[in-house]
């Protein structure tokens, strides 16, 4: 069996960050966050990396990221552009209606489908997942149950940003299997008036408020799938486009998300998704103000010997 593949979602536009956070330097030798994911993946048995980017950032991505990795990483590029895999009539109608958003992580994954021929893990370029998470999902994908999808969830409270709201896939897990995942897009922690602690809320699209427990498991887009799941993603995306075309003004900002697709696959009985446990911390750079904390964290992990001072 071929070793697992790492699929990195690096085509984002970084609207809340104010720039291309997937290429913002974090390490002292110019490393970006995805460098550490690739490093952890390679030492966990992954054999190839597929980076999904936009064509307009290819030159910078090659110079700022790939040039440093050199021959130490076996990689391929896939491209997610606004018109990738979108029927011309739908694309033109969306443009005319003023759509500027990308089509989502599910769309991005399909843009790389022709480069995925083994079990794979898909994740965000601008998140740090920790070596333990890669170890457990790598072992799962290389093991006898590799055909069974998996997720490494994280505790909600440990994934928040003090700078503003975040989007998270809220997971329901029973007997170590994912029962459902619900995408909530406006989660924030409200500090206590007494100065300590605080409570976590999501503001729903209709303005209503929902409180969430600090230890709620959430998806940070750290998934493991067999390559045989890709046709199901294609069917899901086709349905997404069909629904989009039926009400373009009402769905002008809608995106096809991997967590939503996974939730539907579970509900339809297509797959079961194993919830893997890893003693791993997450952090990311949702906002520009998060960058300094990420730099400090990587300095601490490097000083502790988790990572060498120069990755490549």
C-alpha atoms as a PDB file:
ATOM      1  CA  UNK A   1       0.000   0.000   0.000  1.00  0.00           C
ATOM      2  CA  UNK A   2       1.221   3.505  -0.797  1.00  0.00           C
ATOM      3  CA  UNK A   3       2.044   5.738   2.106  1.00  0.00           C
ATOM      4  CA  UNK A   4      -0.481   8.429   3.026  1.00  0.00           C
ATOM      5  CA  UNK A   5      -0.563  11.803   1.298  1.00  0.00           C
ATOM      6  CA  UNK A   6      -0.728  15.199   2.983  1.00  0.00           C
ATOM      7  CA  UNK A   7      -3.121  17.612   1.251  1.00  0.00           C
ATOM      8  CA  UNK A   8      -2.575  21.238   2.315  1.00  0.00           C
ATOM      9  CA  UNK A   9      -5.309  23.842   1.768  1.00  0.00           C
ATOM     10  CA  UNK A  10      -3.264  26.929   0.901  1.00  0.00           C
ATOM     11  CA  UNK A  11      -5.472  28.858  -1.523  1.00  0.00           C
ATOM     12  CA  UNK A  12      -7.151  31.122   1.028  1.00  0.00           C
ATOM     13  CA  UNK A  13      -7.331  34.879   0.585  1.00  0.00           C
ATOM     14  CA  UNK A  14      -6.825  35.765   4.289  1.00  0.00           C
ATOM     15  CA  UNK A  15      -9.559  38.408   4.445  1.00  0.00           C
ATOM     16  CA  UNK A  16      -9.603  38.625   8.253  1.00  0.00           C
ATOM     17  CA  UNK A  17      -5.807  38.387   8.452  1.00  0.00           C
ATOM     18  CA  UNK A  18      -5.297  41.111   5.890  1.00  0.00           C
ATOM     19  CA  UNK A  19      -2.965  39.139   3.658  1.00  0.00           C
ATOM     20  CA  UNK A  20      -1.603  35.754   2.628  1.00  0.00           C
ATOM     21  CA  UNK A  21      -1.159  34.184   6.052  1.00  0.00           C
ATOM     22  CA  UNK A  22      -0.183  30.843   4.484  1.00  0.00           C
ATOM     23  CA  UNK A  23       3.087  32.515   3.439  1.00  0.00           C
ATOM     24  CA  UNK A  24       3.685  34.762   6.457  1.00  0.00           C
ATOM     25  CA  UNK A  25       7.005  33.923   8.092  1.00  0.00           C
ATOM     26  CA  UNK A  26       6.847  32.498  11.615  1.00  0.00           C
ATOM     27  CA  UNK A  27      10.187  30.724  12.104  1.00  0.00           C
ATOM     28  CA  UNK A  28      13.638  32.357  12.329  1.00  0.00           C
ATOM     29  CA  UNK A  29      14.716  30.856   9.005  1.00  0.00           C
ATOM     30  CA  UNK A  30      11.654  32.030   7.138  1.00  0.00           C
ATOM     31  CA  UNK A  31       9.451  29.033   7.985  1.00  0.00           C
ATOM     32  CA  UNK A  32       5.697  29.448   7.656  1.00  0.00           C
ATOM     33  CA  UNK A  33       3.192  27.432   9.676  1.00  0.00           C
ATOM     34  CA  UNK A  34       2.665  24.855   6.945  1.00  0.00           C
ATOM     35  CA  UNK A  35       6.395  24.021   7.089  1.00  0.00           C
ATOM     36  CA  UNK A  36       5.845  22.508  10.518  1.00  0.00           C
ATOM     37  CA  UNK A  37       2.846  20.492   9.330  1.00  0.00           C
ATOM     38  CA  UNK A  38       4.874  19.091   6.435  1.00  0.00           C
ATOM     39  CA  UNK A  39       7.782  18.294   8.772  1.00  0.00           C
ATOM     40  CA  UNK A  40       5.481  16.504  11.243  1.00  0.00           C
ATOM     41  CA  UNK A  41       3.774  14.609   8.418  1.00  0.00           C
ATOM     42  CA  UNK A  42       7.043  13.324   6.970  1.00  0.00           C
ATOM     43  CA  UNK A  43       8.220  11.976  10.312  1.00  0.00           C
ATOM     44  CA  UNK A  44       4.824  10.310  10.742  1.00  0.00           C
ATOM     45  CA  UNK A  45       5.124   8.256   7.543  1.00  0.00           C
ATOM     46  CA  UNK A  46       3.518  10.508   4.917  1.00  0.00           C
ATOM     47  CA  UNK A  47       5.186  10.137   1.535  1.00  0.00           C
ATOM     48  CA  UNK A  48       3.941  13.060  -0.560  1.00  0.00           C
ATOM     49  CA  UNK A  49       2.502  16.541  -0.105  1.00  0.00           C
ATOM     50  CA  UNK A  50      -0.064  18.169  -2.389  1.00  0.00           C
ATOM     51  CA  UNK A  51      -0.305  21.925  -1.945  1.00  0.00           C
ATOM     52  CA  UNK A  52      -3.551  23.491  -3.184  1.00  0.00           C
ATOM     53  CA  UNK A  53      -2.920  27.104  -4.124  1.00  0.00           C
ATOM     54  CA  UNK A  54      -4.230  29.817  -6.446  1.00  0.00           C
ATOM     55  CA  UNK A  55      -2.421  30.437  -9.707  1.00  0.00           C
ATOM     56  CA  UNK A  56      -1.918  34.091  -8.861  1.00  0.00           C
ATOM     57  CA  UNK A  57       0.267  33.192  -5.854  1.00  0.00           C
ATOM     58  CA  UNK A  58       2.248  30.407  -7.523  1.00  0.00           C
ATOM     59  CA  UNK A  59       5.421  32.461  -8.071  1.00  0.00           C
ATOM     60  CA  UNK A  60       5.522  33.683  -4.472  1.00  0.00           C
ATOM     61  CA  UNK A  61       4.661  30.245  -3.116  1.00  0.00           C
ATOM     62  CA  UNK A  62       7.496  28.630  -5.037  1.00  0.00           C
ATOM     63  CA  UNK A  63       9.988  31.253  -3.873  1.00  0.00           C
ATOM     64  CA  UNK A  64       8.893  31.613  -0.246  1.00  0.00           C
ATOM     65  CA  UNK A  65       7.902  28.022   0.578  1.00  0.00           C
ATOM     66  CA  UNK A  66       8.958  25.389  -1.925  1.00  0.00           C
ATOM     67  CA  UNK A  67      12.449  26.726  -2.572  1.00  0.00           C
ATOM     68  CA  UNK A  68      13.387  26.195   1.089  1.00  0.00           C
ATOM     69  CA  UNK A  69      12.110  22.603   1.132  1.00  0.00           C
ATOM     70  CA  UNK A  70      14.108  21.710  -1.935  1.00  0.00           C
ATOM     71  CA  UNK A  71      14.448  17.993  -2.629  1.00  0.00           C
ATOM     72  CA  UNK A  72      13.692  17.028   0.972  1.00  0.00           C
ATOM     73  CA  UNK A  73       9.957  17.027   0.266  1.00  0.00           C
ATOM     74  CA  UNK A  74       8.152  15.186  -2.510  1.00  0.00           C
ATOM     75  CA  UNK A  75       5.453  17.654  -3.503  1.00  0.00           C
ATOM     76  CA  UNK A  76       2.942  18.513  -6.202  1.00  0.00           C
ATOM     77  CA  UNK A  77       0.868  21.613  -6.838  1.00  0.00           C
ATOM     78  CA  UNK A  78      -2.864  21.734  -7.472  1.00  0.00           C
ATOM     79  CA  UNK A  79      -4.732  24.914  -8.323  1.00  0.00           C
ATOM     80  CA  UNK A  80      -8.021  26.224  -6.967  1.00  0.00           C
ATOM     81  CA  UNK A  81      -9.188  29.158  -9.031  1.00  0.00           C
ATOM     82  CA  UNK A  82     -12.609  30.871  -9.092  1.00  0.00           C
ATOM     83  CA  UNK A  83     -13.602  29.046 -12.285  1.00  0.00           C
ATOM     84  CA  UNK A  84     -12.079  25.636 -11.448  1.00  0.00           C
ATOM     85  CA  UNK A  85     -14.650  22.903 -12.067  1.00  0.00           C
ATOM     86  CA  UNK A  86     -17.472  25.477 -12.209  1.00  0.00           C
ATOM     87  CA  UNK A  87     -19.851  25.251 -15.204  1.00  0.00           C
ATOM     88  CA  UNK A  88     -19.479  28.379 -17.311  1.00  0.00           C
ATOM     89  CA  UNK A  89     -23.110  29.458 -16.971  1.00  0.00           C
ATOM     90  CA  UNK A  90     -22.980  29.226 -13.170  1.00  0.00           C
ATOM     91  CA  UNK A  91     -19.610  30.975 -12.979  1.00  0.00           C
ATOM     92  CA  UNK A  92     -20.766  33.858 -15.174  1.00  0.00           C
ATOM     93  CA  UNK A  93     -24.027  34.239 -13.253  1.00  0.00           C
ATOM     94  CA  UNK A  94     -22.122  34.264  -9.950  1.00  0.00           C
ATOM     95  CA  UNK A  95     -19.722  36.903 -11.248  1.00  0.00           C
ATOM     96  CA  UNK A  96     -22.586  39.032 -12.500  1.00  0.00           C
ATOM     97  CA  UNK A  97     -24.237  38.789  -9.072  1.00  0.00           C
ATOM     98  CA  UNK A  98     -21.007  40.013  -7.468  1.00  0.00           C
ATOM     99  CA  UNK A  99     -19.555  36.841  -5.983  1.00  0.00           C
ATOM    100  CA  UNK A 100     -15.980  37.310  -4.795  1.00  0.00           C
ATOM    101  CA  UNK A 101     -15.629  34.477  -2.275  1.00  0.00           C
ATOM    102  CA  UNK A 102     -13.830  31.210  -3.076  1.00  0.00           C
ATOM    103  CA  UNK A 103     -15.942  28.067  -3.363  1.00  0.00           C
ATOM    104  CA  UNK A 104     -14.756  26.460  -0.127  1.00  0.00           C
ATOM    105  CA  UNK A 105     -12.574  23.658   1.194  1.00  0.00           C
ATOM    106  CA  UNK A 106     -14.653  20.906  -0.418  1.00  0.00           C
ATOM    107  CA  UNK A 107     -14.098  22.542  -3.802  1.00  0.00           C
ATOM    108  CA  UNK A 108     -10.375  22.884  -3.057  1.00  0.00           C
ATOM    109  CA  UNK A 109     -10.075  19.191  -2.280  1.00  0.00           C
ATOM    110  CA  UNK A 110     -11.667  18.251  -5.588  1.00  0.00           C
ATOM    111  CA  UNK A 111      -9.210  20.502  -7.425  1.00  0.00           C
ATOM    112  CA  UNK A 112      -6.474  18.141  -6.209  1.00  0.00           C
ATOM    113  CA  UNK A 113      -8.353  14.875  -6.765  1.00  0.00           C
ATOM    114  CA  UNK A 114      -6.246  13.767  -9.738  1.00  0.00           C
ATOM    115  CA  UNK A 115      -3.127  13.889  -7.535  1.00  0.00           C
ATOM    116  CA  UNK A 116      -4.555  11.785  -4.689  1.00  0.00           C
ATOM    117  CA  UNK A 117      -4.090   8.042  -5.166  1.00  0.00           C
ATOM    118  CA  UNK A 118      -3.651   6.881  -1.567  1.00  0.00           C
ATOM    119  CA  UNK A 119      -5.206   7.516   1.863  1.00  0.00           C
ATOM    120  CA  UNK A 120      -4.751  11.177   2.721  1.00  0.00           C
ATOM    121  CA  UNK A 121      -4.965  13.808   5.410  1.00  0.00           C
ATOM    122  CA  UNK A 122      -6.330  17.221   4.474  1.00  0.00           C
ATOM    123  CA  UNK A 123      -5.654  20.284   6.621  1.00  0.00           C
ATOM    124  CA  UNK A 124      -5.330  24.068   6.642  1.00  0.00           C
ATOM    125  CA  UNK A 125      -2.045  25.739   5.734  1.00  0.00           C
ATOM    126  CA  UNK A 126      -2.423  28.429   8.389  1.00  0.00           C
ATOM    127  CA  UNK A 127      -2.990  26.159  11.389  1.00  0.00           C
ATOM    128  CA  UNK A 128      -0.540  24.332  13.664  1.00  0.00           C
ATOM    129  CA  UNK A 129      -1.777  20.876  14.669  1.00  0.00           C
ATOM    130  CA  UNK A 130       1.122  19.350  16.631  1.00  0.00           C
ATOM    131  CA  UNK A 131       3.303  16.300  16.062  1.00  0.00           C
ATOM    132  CA  UNK A 132       1.069  14.023  18.179  1.00  0.00           C
ATOM    133  CA  UNK A 133      -1.911  14.650  15.892  1.00  0.00           C
ATOM    134  CA  UNK A 134       0.119  13.645  12.842  1.00  0.00           C
ATOM    135  CA  UNK A 135       1.424  10.554  14.616  1.00  0.00           C
ATOM    136  CA  UNK A 136      -2.046   9.209  15.447  1.00  0.00           C
ATOM    137  CA  UNK A 137      -3.633   9.961  12.080  1.00  0.00           C
ATOM    138  CA  UNK A 138      -0.586   8.669  10.218  1.00  0.00           C
ATOM    139  CA  UNK A 139      -0.759   5.412  12.159  1.00  0.00           C
ATOM    140  CA  UNK A 140      -4.480   5.156  11.434  1.00  0.00           C
ATOM    141  CA  UNK A 141      -4.087   5.692   7.702  1.00  0.00           C
ATOM    142  CA  UNK A 142      -1.273   3.154   7.495  1.00  0.00           C
ATOM    143  CA  UNK A 143      -3.090   0.571   9.614  1.00  0.00           C
ATOM    144  CA  UNK A 144      -5.564  -2.213   8.760  1.00  0.00           C
ATOM    145  CA  UNK A 145      -8.546   0.151   9.118  1.00  0.00           C
ATOM    146  CA  UNK A 146      -7.157   2.751   6.726  1.00  0.00           C
ATOM    147  CA  UNK A 147     -10.379   2.646   4.678  1.00  0.00           C
ATOM    148  CA  UNK A 148     -12.192   4.192   7.645  1.00  0.00           C
ATOM    149  CA  UNK A 149     -12.144   8.009   7.673  1.00  0.00           C
ATOM    150  CA  UNK A 150     -10.921   9.795  10.775  1.00  0.00           C
ATOM    151  CA  UNK A 151     -10.764  13.190  12.426  1.00  0.00           C
ATOM    152  CA  UNK A 152      -8.587  14.628  15.174  1.00  0.00           C
ATOM    153  CA  UNK A 153     -10.871  17.019  17.094  1.00  0.00           C
ATOM    154  CA  UNK A 154      -9.639  19.730  19.474  1.00  0.00           C
ATOM    155  CA  UNK A 155     -11.185  21.318  22.561  1.00  0.00           C
ATOM    156  CA  UNK A 156     -13.051  24.473  21.610  1.00  0.00           C
ATOM    157  CA  UNK A 157     -11.640  26.724  24.341  1.00  0.00           C
ATOM    158  CA  UNK A 158      -8.087  26.011  23.160  1.00  0.00           C
ATOM    159  CA  UNK A 159      -8.856  27.081  19.589  1.00  0.00           C
ATOM    160  CA  UNK A 160     -10.264  30.570  20.155  1.00  0.00           C
ATOM    161  CA  UNK A 161      -8.692  33.908  19.266  1.00  0.00           C
ATOM    162  CA  UNK A 162      -8.809  36.847  21.636  1.00  0.00           C
ATOM    163  CA  UNK A 163      -8.895  39.083  18.551  1.00  0.00           C
ATOM    164  CA  UNK A 164     -12.428  38.236  17.409  1.00  0.00           C
ATOM    165  CA  UNK A 165     -14.859  35.590  16.245  1.00  0.00           C
ATOM    166  CA  UNK A 166     -13.826  32.302  14.647  1.00  0.00           C
ATOM    167  CA  UNK A 167     -15.536  29.577  12.621  1.00  0.00           C
ATOM    168  CA  UNK A 168     -15.433  26.027  13.970  1.00  0.00           C
ATOM    169  CA  UNK A 169     -17.053  22.710  13.135  1.00  0.00           C
ATOM    170  CA  UNK A 170     -18.762  21.673  16.381  1.00  0.00           C
ATOM    171  CA  UNK A 171     -18.568  17.900  16.729  1.00  0.00           C
ATOM    172  CA  UNK A 172     -20.796  15.387  18.480  1.00  0.00           C
ATOM    173  CA  UNK A 173     -18.804  12.272  19.328  1.00  0.00           C
ATOM    174  CA  UNK A 174     -20.219   9.001  20.688  1.00  0.00           C
ATOM    175  CA  UNK A 175     -18.144   5.876  21.425  1.00  0.00           C
ATOM    176  CA  UNK A 176     -15.141   7.394  19.612  1.00  0.00           C
ATOM    177  CA  UNK A 177     -17.085   8.031  16.398  1.00  0.00           C
ATOM    178  CA  UNK A 178     -18.242  11.302  14.938  1.00  0.00           C
ATOM    179  CA  UNK A 179     -22.048  11.539  15.027  1.00  0.00           C
ATOM    180  CA  UNK A 180     -22.392  14.997  13.509  1.00  0.00           C
ATOM    181  CA  UNK A 181     -20.458  18.153  12.758  1.00  0.00           C
ATOM    182  CA  UNK A 182     -22.091  21.566  12.608  1.00  0.00           C
ATOM    183  CA  UNK A 183     -20.316  24.562  11.112  1.00  0.00           C
ATOM    184  CA  UNK A 184     -20.663  27.618  13.348  1.00  0.00           C
ATOM    185  CA  UNK A 185     -19.130  30.794  11.984  1.00  0.00           C
ATOM    186  CA  UNK A 186     -19.218  33.407  14.768  1.00  0.00           C
ATOM    187  CA  UNK A 187     -17.811  31.872  17.959  1.00  0.00           C
ATOM    188  CA  UNK A 188     -16.157  34.042  20.593  1.00  0.00           C
ATOM    189  CA  UNK A 189     -15.324  34.012  24.266  1.00  0.00           C
ATOM    190  CA  UNK A 190     -16.944  36.750  26.322  1.00  0.00           C
ATOM    191  CA  UNK A 191     -14.779  37.669  29.325  1.00  0.00           C
ATOM    192  CA  UNK A 192     -16.299  37.460  32.765  1.00  0.00           C
ATOM    193  CA  UNK A 193     -17.225  40.747  34.419  1.00  0.00           C
ATOM    194  CA  UNK A 194     -15.285  39.454  37.439  1.00  0.00           C
ATOM    195  CA  UNK A 195     -12.070  39.402  35.445  1.00  0.00           C
ATOM    196  CA  UNK A 196     -11.504  35.646  35.233  1.00  0.00           C
ATOM    197  CA  UNK A 197     -12.797  32.893  33.004  1.00  0.00           C
ATOM    198  CA  UNK A 198     -15.577  33.739  30.621  1.00  0.00           C
ATOM    199  CA  UNK A 199     -18.239  32.040  28.565  1.00  0.00           C
ATOM    200  CA  UNK A 200     -18.235  30.967  24.933  1.00  0.00           C
ATOM    201  CA  UNK A 201     -21.042  31.886  22.566  1.00  0.00           C
ATOM    202  CA  UNK A 202     -21.886  31.592  18.892  1.00  0.00           C
ATOM    203  CA  UNK A 203     -23.992  34.234  17.194  1.00  0.00           C
ATOM    204  CA  UNK A 204     -26.305  32.491  14.742  1.00  0.00           C
ATOM    205  CA  UNK A 205     -27.203  34.048  11.357  1.00  0.00           C
ATOM    206  CA  UNK A 206     -30.614  35.080  12.725  1.00  0.00           C
ATOM    207  CA  UNK A 207     -28.966  36.927  15.616  1.00  0.00           C
ATOM    208  CA  UNK A 208     -29.811  34.372  18.300  1.00  0.00           C
ATOM    209  CA  UNK A 209     -27.100  33.333  20.750  1.00  0.00           C
ATOM    210  CA  UNK A 210     -25.961  29.796  21.591  1.00  0.00           C
ATOM    211  CA  UNK A 211     -23.643  28.984  24.484  1.00  0.00           C
ATOM    212  CA  UNK A 212     -20.985  26.305  24.027  1.00  0.00           C
ATOM    213  CA  UNK A 213     -19.057  24.326  26.647  1.00  0.00           C
ATOM    214  CA  UNK A 214     -15.296  24.983  26.788  1.00  0.00           C
ATOM    215  CA  UNK A 215     -14.475  21.288  26.211  1.00  0.00           C
ATOM    216  CA  UNK A 216     -16.730  20.948  23.153  1.00  0.00           C
ATOM    217  CA  UNK A 217     -14.838  18.954  20.499  1.00  0.00           C
ATOM    218  CA  UNK A 218     -14.414  20.910  17.285  1.00  0.00           C
ATOM    219  CA  UNK A 219     -13.094  20.244  13.813  1.00  0.00           C
ATOM    220  CA  UNK A 220     -10.039  22.252  12.822  1.00  0.00           C
ATOM    221  CA  UNK A 221     -10.063  20.664   9.360  1.00  0.00           C
ATOM    222  CA  UNK A 222      -7.726  17.828  10.316  1.00  0.00           C
ATOM    223  CA  UNK A 223      -9.263  14.908   8.447  1.00  0.00           C
ATOM    224  CA  UNK A 224      -8.074  11.517   7.236  1.00  0.00           C
ATOM    225  CA  UNK A 225      -9.841   9.850   4.298  1.00  0.00           C
ATOM    226  CA  UNK A 226      -9.344   6.928   1.926  1.00  0.00           C
ATOM    227  CA  UNK A 227      -8.973   8.116  -1.655  1.00  0.00           C
ATOM    228  CA  UNK A 228     -12.176   6.208  -2.486  1.00  0.00           C
ATOM    229  CA  UNK A 229     -14.195   8.982  -0.788  1.00  0.00           C
ATOM    230  CA  UNK A 230     -13.428  11.488  -3.556  1.00  0.00           C
ATOM    231  CA  UNK A 231     -16.390  10.518  -5.806  1.00  0.00           C
ATOM    232  CA  UNK A 232     -18.700  11.186  -2.860  1.00  0.00           C
ATOM    233  CA  UNK A 233     -17.195  14.661  -2.492  1.00  0.00           C
ATOM    234  CA  UNK A 234     -17.777  15.213  -6.203  1.00  0.00           C
ATOM    235  CA  UNK A 235     -21.444  14.248  -5.849  1.00  0.00           C
ATOM    236  CA  UNK A 236     -21.769  16.544  -2.847  1.00  0.00           C
ATOM    237  CA  UNK A 237     -20.221  19.459  -4.736  1.00  0.00           C
ATOM    238  CA  UNK A 238     -22.457  18.866  -7.746  1.00  0.00           C
ATOM    239  CA  UNK A 239     -25.483  19.106  -5.432  1.00  0.00           C
ATOM    240  CA  UNK A 240     -24.014  22.261  -3.894  1.00  0.00           C
ATOM    241  CA  UNK A 241     -23.712  23.882  -7.332  1.00  0.00           C
ATOM    242  CA  UNK A 242     -27.228  22.812  -8.268  1.00  0.00           C
ATOM    243  CA  UNK A 243     -28.655  24.429  -5.139  1.00  0.00           C
ATOM    244  CA  UNK A 244     -26.491  27.498  -5.679  1.00  0.00           C
ATOM    245  CA  UNK A 245     -27.758  27.937  -9.238  1.00  0.00           C
ATOM    246  CA  UNK A 246     -31.374  27.787  -8.056  1.00  0.00           C
ATOM    247  CA  UNK A 247     -30.955  30.852  -5.809  1.00  0.00           C
ATOM    248  CA  UNK A 248     -27.774  32.719  -6.629  1.00  0.00           C
ATOM    249  CA  UNK A 249     -28.700  35.998  -4.866  1.00  0.00           C
ATOM    250  CA  UNK A 250     -29.636  34.118  -1.696  1.00  0.00           C
ATOM    251  CA  UNK A 251     -26.552  31.899  -1.763  1.00  0.00           C
ATOM    252  CA  UNK A 252     -24.032  34.356  -3.163  1.00  0.00           C
ATOM    253  CA  UNK A 253     -21.638  33.888  -0.213  1.00  0.00           C
ATOM    254  CA  UNK A 254     -22.201  30.173   0.369  1.00  0.00           C
ATOM    255  CA  UNK A 255     -19.220  27.801   0.308  1.00  0.00           C
ATOM    256  CA  UNK A 256     -18.791  24.045   0.070  1.00  0.00           C
ATOM    257  CA  UNK A 257     -17.135  23.003   3.323  1.00  0.00           C
ATOM    258  CA  UNK A 258     -15.500  19.643   4.080  1.00  0.00           C
ATOM    259  CA  UNK A 259     -17.155  19.429   7.549  1.00  0.00           C
ATOM    260  CA  UNK A 260     -20.621  19.905   6.023  1.00  0.00           C
ATOM    261  CA  UNK A 261     -19.922  17.206   3.463  1.00  0.00           C
ATOM    262  CA  UNK A 262     -18.662  14.840   6.179  1.00  0.00           C
ATOM    263  CA  UNK A 263     -21.774  15.496   8.250  1.00  0.00           C
ATOM    264  CA  UNK A 264     -23.991  14.577   5.316  1.00  0.00           C
ATOM    265  CA  UNK A 265     -21.973  11.437   4.564  1.00  0.00           C
ATOM    266  CA  UNK A 266     -22.510  10.313   8.164  1.00  0.00           C
ATOM    267  CA  UNK A 267     -26.230  11.063   8.136  1.00  0.00           C
ATOM    268  CA  UNK A 268     -26.689   9.147   4.873  1.00  0.00           C
ATOM    269  CA  UNK A 269     -24.783   6.160   6.242  1.00  0.00           C
ATOM    270  CA  UNK A 270     -22.074   6.385   3.577  1.00  0.00           C
ATOM    271  CA  UNK A 271     -19.203   6.351   6.070  1.00  0.00           C
ATOM    272  CA  UNK A 272     -18.314   6.217   9.740  1.00  0.00           C
ATOM    273  CA  UNK A 273     -15.645   8.642  10.932  1.00  0.00           C
ATOM    274  CA  UNK A 274     -13.356   7.655  13.782  1.00  0.00           C
ATOM    275  CA  UNK A 275     -12.569  10.395  16.309  1.00  0.00           C
ATOM    276  CA  UNK A 276      -8.890   9.979  17.158  1.00  0.00           C
ATOM    277  CA  UNK A 277      -7.400  11.222  20.409  1.00  0.00           C
ATOM    278  CA  UNK A 278      -4.156  13.147  20.433  1.00  0.00           C
ATOM    279  CA  UNK A 279      -2.498  15.098  23.217  1.00  0.00           C
ATOM    280  CA  UNK A 280      -1.792  17.949  20.869  1.00  0.00           C
ATOM    281  CA  UNK A 281      -2.208  21.703  21.028  1.00  0.00           C
ATOM    282  CA  UNK A 282      -3.604  23.769  18.182  1.00  0.00           C
ATOM    283  CA  UNK A 283      -2.930  27.356  17.305  1.00  0.00           C
ATOM    284  CA  UNK A 284      -3.369  29.429  14.187  1.00  0.00           C
ATOM    285  CA  UNK A 285      -3.272  32.888  12.666  1.00  0.00           C
ATOM    286  CA  UNK A 286      -6.828  33.994  12.015  1.00  0.00           C
ATOM    287  CA  UNK A 287      -5.988  37.649  12.648  1.00  0.00           C
ATOM    288  CA  UNK A 288      -2.789  39.645  12.137  1.00  0.00           C
ATOM    289  CA  UNK A 289      -2.601  40.084  15.918  1.00  0.00           C
ATOM    290  CA  UNK A 290      -2.291  36.286  16.308  1.00  0.00           C
ATOM    291  CA  UNK A 291       1.060  36.256  14.503  1.00  0.00           C
ATOM    292  CA  UNK A 292       3.276  37.255  17.427  1.00  0.00           C
ATOM    293  CA  UNK A 293       1.779  34.567  19.656  1.00  0.00           C
ATOM    294  CA  UNK A 294       2.479  31.992  16.937  1.00  0.00           C
ATOM    295  CA  UNK A 295       6.092  33.166  16.644  1.00  0.00           C
ATOM    296  CA  UNK A 296       6.557  32.884  20.397  1.00  0.00           C
ATOM    297  CA  UNK A 297       5.007  29.403  20.489  1.00  0.00           C
ATOM    298  CA  UNK A 298       7.292  28.126  17.720  1.00  0.00           C
ATOM    299  CA  UNK A 299      10.306  29.595  19.520  1.00  0.00           C
ATOM    300  CA  UNK A 300       9.298  27.679  22.650  1.00  0.00           C
ATOM    301  CA  UNK A 301       8.822  24.397  20.774  1.00  0.00           C
ATOM    302  CA  UNK A 302      12.157  24.831  19.018  1.00  0.00           C
ATOM    303  CA  UNK A 303      13.929  25.607  22.293  1.00  0.00           C
ATOM    304  CA  UNK A 304      12.349  22.480  23.801  1.00  0.00           C
ATOM    305  CA  UNK A 305      13.781  20.344  20.987  1.00  0.00           C
ATOM    306  CA  UNK A 306      10.461  19.469  19.373  1.00  0.00           C
ATOM    307  CA  UNK A 307      11.713  21.027  16.131  1.00  0.00           C
ATOM    308  CA  UNK A 308      15.257  21.699  14.909  1.00  0.00           C
ATOM    309  CA  UNK A 309      16.339  25.320  14.611  1.00  0.00           C
ATOM    310  CA  UNK A 310      16.303  24.869  10.825  1.00  0.00           C
ATOM    311  CA  UNK A 311      13.694  22.496   9.402  1.00  0.00           C
ATOM    312  CA  UNK A 312      15.069  22.017   5.898  1.00  0.00           C
END
